[in-house]
Amino acid sequence: MTTGSSPTPSPSQLSPGPNVIIVTLVGYQVAGISGAAVATVAMCGPTCVLAFLVARTWDRFKHARWRIAMQAGLIPVSLGLIGASAFVLARVADHNVYAGVITAIAATVGFATRMNPLWMFAAAGLIGLSGWL
């Protein structure tokens, strides 16, 4: 790799990883179903409680100036992260011109309409199953 170049990203960089699955399997292997349940709760519980408490606090200060300013500042950051994720996925998924055209059509439909993205996923799945790509 040369200086200044970046490696090709993979879709796995966008996913949270297999940690929860692995923790649940290890807990199951050690102590059966109760071990799987305890391991999963231990893995997910603290973050769920933290998210709940932050959401309650966030809601409590919905009219505070600092919250309004922070929320307005986070909108472009969120849009940038979503756009970067879409770009990474498109670079990996678009292995030929037809796939690129389908990605462009899906992006246009998603941007221009309020269609549920699940319908676009279903259409893409049918196109893939049909063998067109």
C-alpha atoms as a PDB file:
ATOM      1  CA  MET A   1       0.000   0.000   0.000  1.00  0.00           C
ATOM      2  CA  THR A   2       1.363   3.397  -0.921  1.00  0.00           C
ATOM      3  CA  THR A   3       1.335   6.445   1.273  1.00  0.00           C
ATOM      4  CA  GLY A   4      -1.910   8.367   1.070  1.00  0.00           C
ATOM      5  CA  SER A   5      -3.999   5.510  -0.281  1.00  0.00           C
ATOM      6  CA  SER A   6      -6.632   3.739   1.715  1.00  0.00           C
ATOM      7  CA  PRO A   7      -7.591   0.080   1.571  1.00  0.00           C
ATOM      8  CA  THR A   8     -10.905  -0.851   0.020  1.00  0.00           C
ATOM      9  CA  PRO A   9     -13.508  -0.863   2.796  1.00  0.00           C
ATOM     10  CA  SER A  10     -15.702  -3.869   3.322  1.00  0.00           C
ATOM     11  CA  PRO A  11     -19.364  -4.031   4.383  1.00  0.00           C
ATOM     12  CA  SER A  12     -18.245  -5.564   7.667  1.00  0.00           C
ATOM     13  CA  GLN A  13     -16.879  -2.166   8.679  1.00  0.00           C
ATOM     14  CA  LEU A  14     -20.465  -0.931   8.893  1.00  0.00           C
ATOM     15  CA  SER A  15     -21.857  -3.645  11.113  1.00  0.00           C
ATOM     16  CA  PRO A  16     -21.456  -3.806  14.876  1.00  0.00           C
ATOM     17  CA  GLY A  17     -19.776  -7.187  14.688  1.00  0.00           C
ATOM     18  CA  PRO A  18     -20.525 -10.656  15.955  1.00  0.00           C
ATOM     19  CA  ASN A  19     -19.953  -9.886  19.635  1.00  0.00           C
ATOM     20  CA  VAL A  20     -23.529 -10.435  20.782  1.00  0.00           C
ATOM     21  CA  ILE A  21     -23.809 -13.682  18.831  1.00  0.00           C
ATOM     22  CA  ILE A  22     -20.502 -14.977  20.148  1.00  0.00           C
ATOM     23  CA  VAL A  23     -21.300 -13.996  23.742  1.00  0.00           C
ATOM     24  CA  THR A  24     -24.643 -15.770  23.544  1.00  0.00           C
ATOM     25  CA  LEU A  25     -23.046 -18.908  22.081  1.00  0.00           C
ATOM     26  CA  VAL A  26     -20.299 -18.970  24.705  1.00  0.00           C
ATOM     27  CA  GLY A  27     -22.881 -18.550  27.460  1.00  0.00           C
ATOM     28  CA  TYR A  28     -24.914 -21.389  25.968  1.00  0.00           C
ATOM     29  CA  GLN A  29     -21.849 -23.619  25.705  1.00  0.00           C
ATOM     30  CA  VAL A  30     -20.907 -22.962  29.329  1.00  0.00           C
ATOM     31  CA  ALA A  31     -24.295 -23.147  31.039  1.00  0.00           C
ATOM     32  CA  GLY A  32     -27.023 -23.933  28.521  1.00  0.00           C
ATOM     33  CA  ILE A  33     -30.000 -21.685  27.913  1.00  0.00           C
ATOM     34  CA  SER A  34     -29.678 -19.900  31.251  1.00  0.00           C
ATOM     35  CA  GLY A  35     -26.009 -19.170  30.485  1.00  0.00           C
ATOM     36  CA  ALA A  36     -26.960 -17.786  27.073  1.00  0.00           C
ATOM     37  CA  ALA A  37     -29.588 -15.563  28.674  1.00  0.00           C
ATOM     38  CA  VAL A  38     -27.227 -14.279  31.376  1.00  0.00           C
ATOM     39  CA  ALA A  39     -24.413 -13.632  28.887  1.00  0.00           C
ATOM     40  CA  THR A  40     -26.725 -11.790  26.494  1.00  0.00           C
ATOM     41  CA  VAL A  41     -28.222  -9.648  29.269  1.00  0.00           C
ATOM     42  CA  ALA A  42     -24.732  -8.887  30.581  1.00  0.00           C
ATOM     43  CA  MET A  43     -23.642  -7.834  27.092  1.00  0.00           C
ATOM     44  CA  CYS A  44     -26.725  -5.788  26.145  1.00  0.00           C
ATOM     45  CA  GLY A  45     -28.126  -4.710  29.507  1.00  0.00           C
ATOM     46  CA  PRO A  46     -25.713  -1.913  30.458  1.00  0.00           C
ATOM     47  CA  THR A  47     -25.911  -0.219  27.062  1.00  0.00           C
ATOM     48  CA  CYS A  48     -29.709  -0.508  27.039  1.00  0.00           C
ATOM     49  CA  VAL A  49     -29.925   1.078  30.498  1.00  0.00           C
ATOM     50  CA  LEU A  50     -27.502   3.839  29.472  1.00  0.00           C
ATOM     51  CA  ALA A  51     -29.477   4.532  26.274  1.00  0.00           C
ATOM     52  CA  PHE A  52     -32.711   4.670  28.289  1.00  0.00           C
ATOM     53  CA  LEU A  53     -31.263   7.118  30.813  1.00  0.00           C
ATOM     54  CA  VAL A  54     -29.736   9.341  28.142  1.00  0.00           C
ATOM     55  CA  ALA A  55     -33.038   9.383  26.212  1.00  0.00           C
ATOM     56  CA  ARG A  56     -34.962  10.385  29.346  1.00  0.00           C
ATOM     57  CA  THR A  57     -32.473  13.143  30.100  1.00  0.00           C
ATOM     58  CA  TRP A  58     -32.485  14.292  26.481  1.00  0.00           C
ATOM     59  CA  ASP A  59     -36.290  14.484  26.524  1.00  0.00           C
ATOM     60  CA  ARG A  60     -36.321  16.358  29.830  1.00  0.00           C
ATOM     61  CA  PHE A  61     -34.275  19.205  28.311  1.00  0.00           C
ATOM     62  CA  LYS A  62     -36.136  19.435  24.984  1.00  0.00           C
ATOM     63  CA  HIS A  63     -36.530  23.216  25.269  1.00  0.00           C
ATOM     64  CA  ALA A  64     -33.025  23.977  26.546  1.00  0.00           C
ATOM     65  CA  ARG A  65     -30.839  26.092  24.264  1.00  0.00           C
ATOM     66  CA  TRP A  66     -27.862  23.732  24.521  1.00  0.00           C
ATOM     67  CA  ARG A  67     -29.967  20.774  23.419  1.00  0.00           C
ATOM     68  CA  ILE A  68     -31.432  22.642  20.441  1.00  0.00           C
ATOM     69  CA  ALA A  69     -27.937  23.764  19.373  1.00  0.00           C
ATOM     70  CA  MET A  70     -26.473  20.277  19.841  1.00  0.00           C
ATOM     71  CA  GLN A  71     -29.285  18.661  17.892  1.00  0.00           C
ATOM     72  CA  ALA A  72     -28.911  21.154  15.053  1.00  0.00           C
ATOM     73  CA  GLY A  73     -25.166  20.428  14.965  1.00  0.00           C
ATOM     74  CA  LEU A  74     -25.664  16.675  14.911  1.00  0.00           C
ATOM     75  CA  ILE A  75     -27.921  16.715  11.835  1.00  0.00           C
ATOM     76  CA  PRO A  76     -25.094  17.297   9.312  1.00  0.00           C
ATOM     77  CA  VAL A  77     -22.871  14.832  11.162  1.00  0.00           C
ATOM     78  CA  SER A  78     -25.585  12.168  10.974  1.00  0.00           C
ATOM     79  CA  LEU A  79     -26.210  12.832   7.297  1.00  0.00           C
ATOM     80  CA  GLY A  80     -22.487  12.608   6.583  1.00  0.00           C
ATOM     81  CA  LEU A  81     -22.124   9.299   8.414  1.00  0.00           C
ATOM     82  CA  ILE A  82     -25.153   7.827   6.645  1.00  0.00           C
ATOM     83  CA  GLY A  83     -23.834   9.042   3.290  1.00  0.00           C
ATOM     84  CA  ALA A  84     -20.384   7.580   3.992  1.00  0.00           C
ATOM     85  CA  SER A  85     -21.949   4.243   4.930  1.00  0.00           C
ATOM     86  CA  ALA A  86     -23.988   4.228   1.734  1.00  0.00           C
ATOM     87  CA  PHE A  87     -20.861   5.040  -0.273  1.00  0.00           C
ATOM     88  CA  VAL A  88     -18.905   2.181   1.322  1.00  0.00           C
ATOM     89  CA  LEU A  89     -21.718  -0.278   0.647  1.00  0.00           C
ATOM     90  CA  ALA A  90     -22.161   0.916  -2.936  1.00  0.00           C
ATOM     91  CA  ARG A  91     -18.433   0.571  -3.668  1.00  0.00           C
ATOM     92  CA  VAL A  92     -18.484  -3.024  -2.493  1.00  0.00           C
ATOM     93  CA  ALA A  93     -21.849  -4.011  -3.991  1.00  0.00           C
ATOM     94  CA  ASP A  94     -21.575  -2.384  -7.414  1.00  0.00           C
ATOM     95  CA  HIS A  95     -19.391  -4.930  -9.168  1.00  0.00           C
ATOM     96  CA  ASN A  96     -20.769  -4.140 -12.640  1.00  0.00           C
ATOM     97  CA  VAL A  97     -22.678  -1.423 -14.503  1.00  0.00           C
ATOM     98  CA  TYR A  98     -26.079  -3.029 -13.912  1.00  0.00           C
ATOM     99  CA  ALA A  99     -25.566  -3.112 -10.158  1.00  0.00           C
ATOM    100  CA  GLY A 100     -24.533   0.546 -10.284  1.00  0.00           C
ATOM    101  CA  VAL A 101     -27.691   1.438 -12.200  1.00  0.00           C
ATOM    102  CA  ILE A 102     -29.851  -0.404  -9.666  1.00  0.00           C
ATOM    103  CA  THR A 103     -28.079   1.408  -6.820  1.00  0.00           C
ATOM    104  CA  ALA A 104     -28.668   4.757  -8.540  1.00  0.00           C
ATOM    105  CA  ILE A 105     -32.360   3.936  -9.104  1.00  0.00           C
ATOM    106  CA  ALA A 106     -32.795   2.852  -5.473  1.00  0.00           C
ATOM    107  CA  ALA A 107     -31.085   6.023  -4.236  1.00  0.00           C
ATOM    108  CA  THR A 108     -33.287   8.181  -6.478  1.00  0.00           C
ATOM    109  CA  VAL A 109     -36.490   6.429  -5.402  1.00  0.00           C
ATOM    110  CA  GLY A 110     -35.449   6.616  -1.754  1.00  0.00           C
ATOM    111  CA  PHE A 111     -34.655  10.318  -2.052  1.00  0.00           C
ATOM    112  CA  ALA A 112     -37.700  11.322  -4.128  1.00  0.00           C
ATOM    113  CA  THR A 113     -40.398   9.315  -2.344  1.00  0.00           C
ATOM    114  CA  ARG A 114     -41.329   8.284   1.157  1.00  0.00           C
ATOM    115  CA  MET A 115     -41.326   4.612   0.176  1.00  0.00           C
ATOM    116  CA  ASN A 116     -40.351   2.218   2.928  1.00  0.00           C
ATOM    117  CA  PRO A 117     -36.781   1.007   2.209  1.00  0.00           C
ATOM    118  CA  LEU A 118     -37.862  -2.568   2.944  1.00  0.00           C
ATOM    119  CA  TRP A 119     -39.759  -2.574  -0.364  1.00  0.00           C
ATOM    120  CA  MET A 120     -36.559  -1.602  -2.155  1.00  0.00           C
ATOM    121  CA  PHE A 121     -34.681  -4.374  -0.335  1.00  0.00           C
ATOM    122  CA  ALA A 122     -37.375  -6.831  -1.386  1.00  0.00           C
ATOM    123  CA  ALA A 123     -37.145  -5.669  -5.017  1.00  0.00           C
ATOM    124  CA  ALA A 124     -33.345  -5.965  -4.932  1.00  0.00           C
ATOM    125  CA  GLY A 125     -33.662  -9.465  -3.484  1.00  0.00           C
ATOM    126  CA  LEU A 126     -36.030 -10.495  -6.268  1.00  0.00           C
ATOM    127  CA  ILE A 127     -33.686  -9.063  -8.894  1.00  0.00           C
ATOM    128  CA  GLY A 128     -30.817 -11.012  -7.342  1.00  0.00           C
ATOM    129  CA  LEU A 129     -32.840 -14.217  -7.146  1.00  0.00           C
ATOM    130  CA  SER A 130     -33.950 -13.850 -10.735  1.00  0.00           C
ATOM    131  CA  GLY A 131     -30.342 -13.951 -11.892  1.00  0.00           C
ATOM    132  CA  TRP A 132     -30.377 -10.577 -13.628  1.00  0.00           C
ATOM    133  CA  LEU A 133     -27.196  -9.625 -11.763  1.00  0.00           C
END
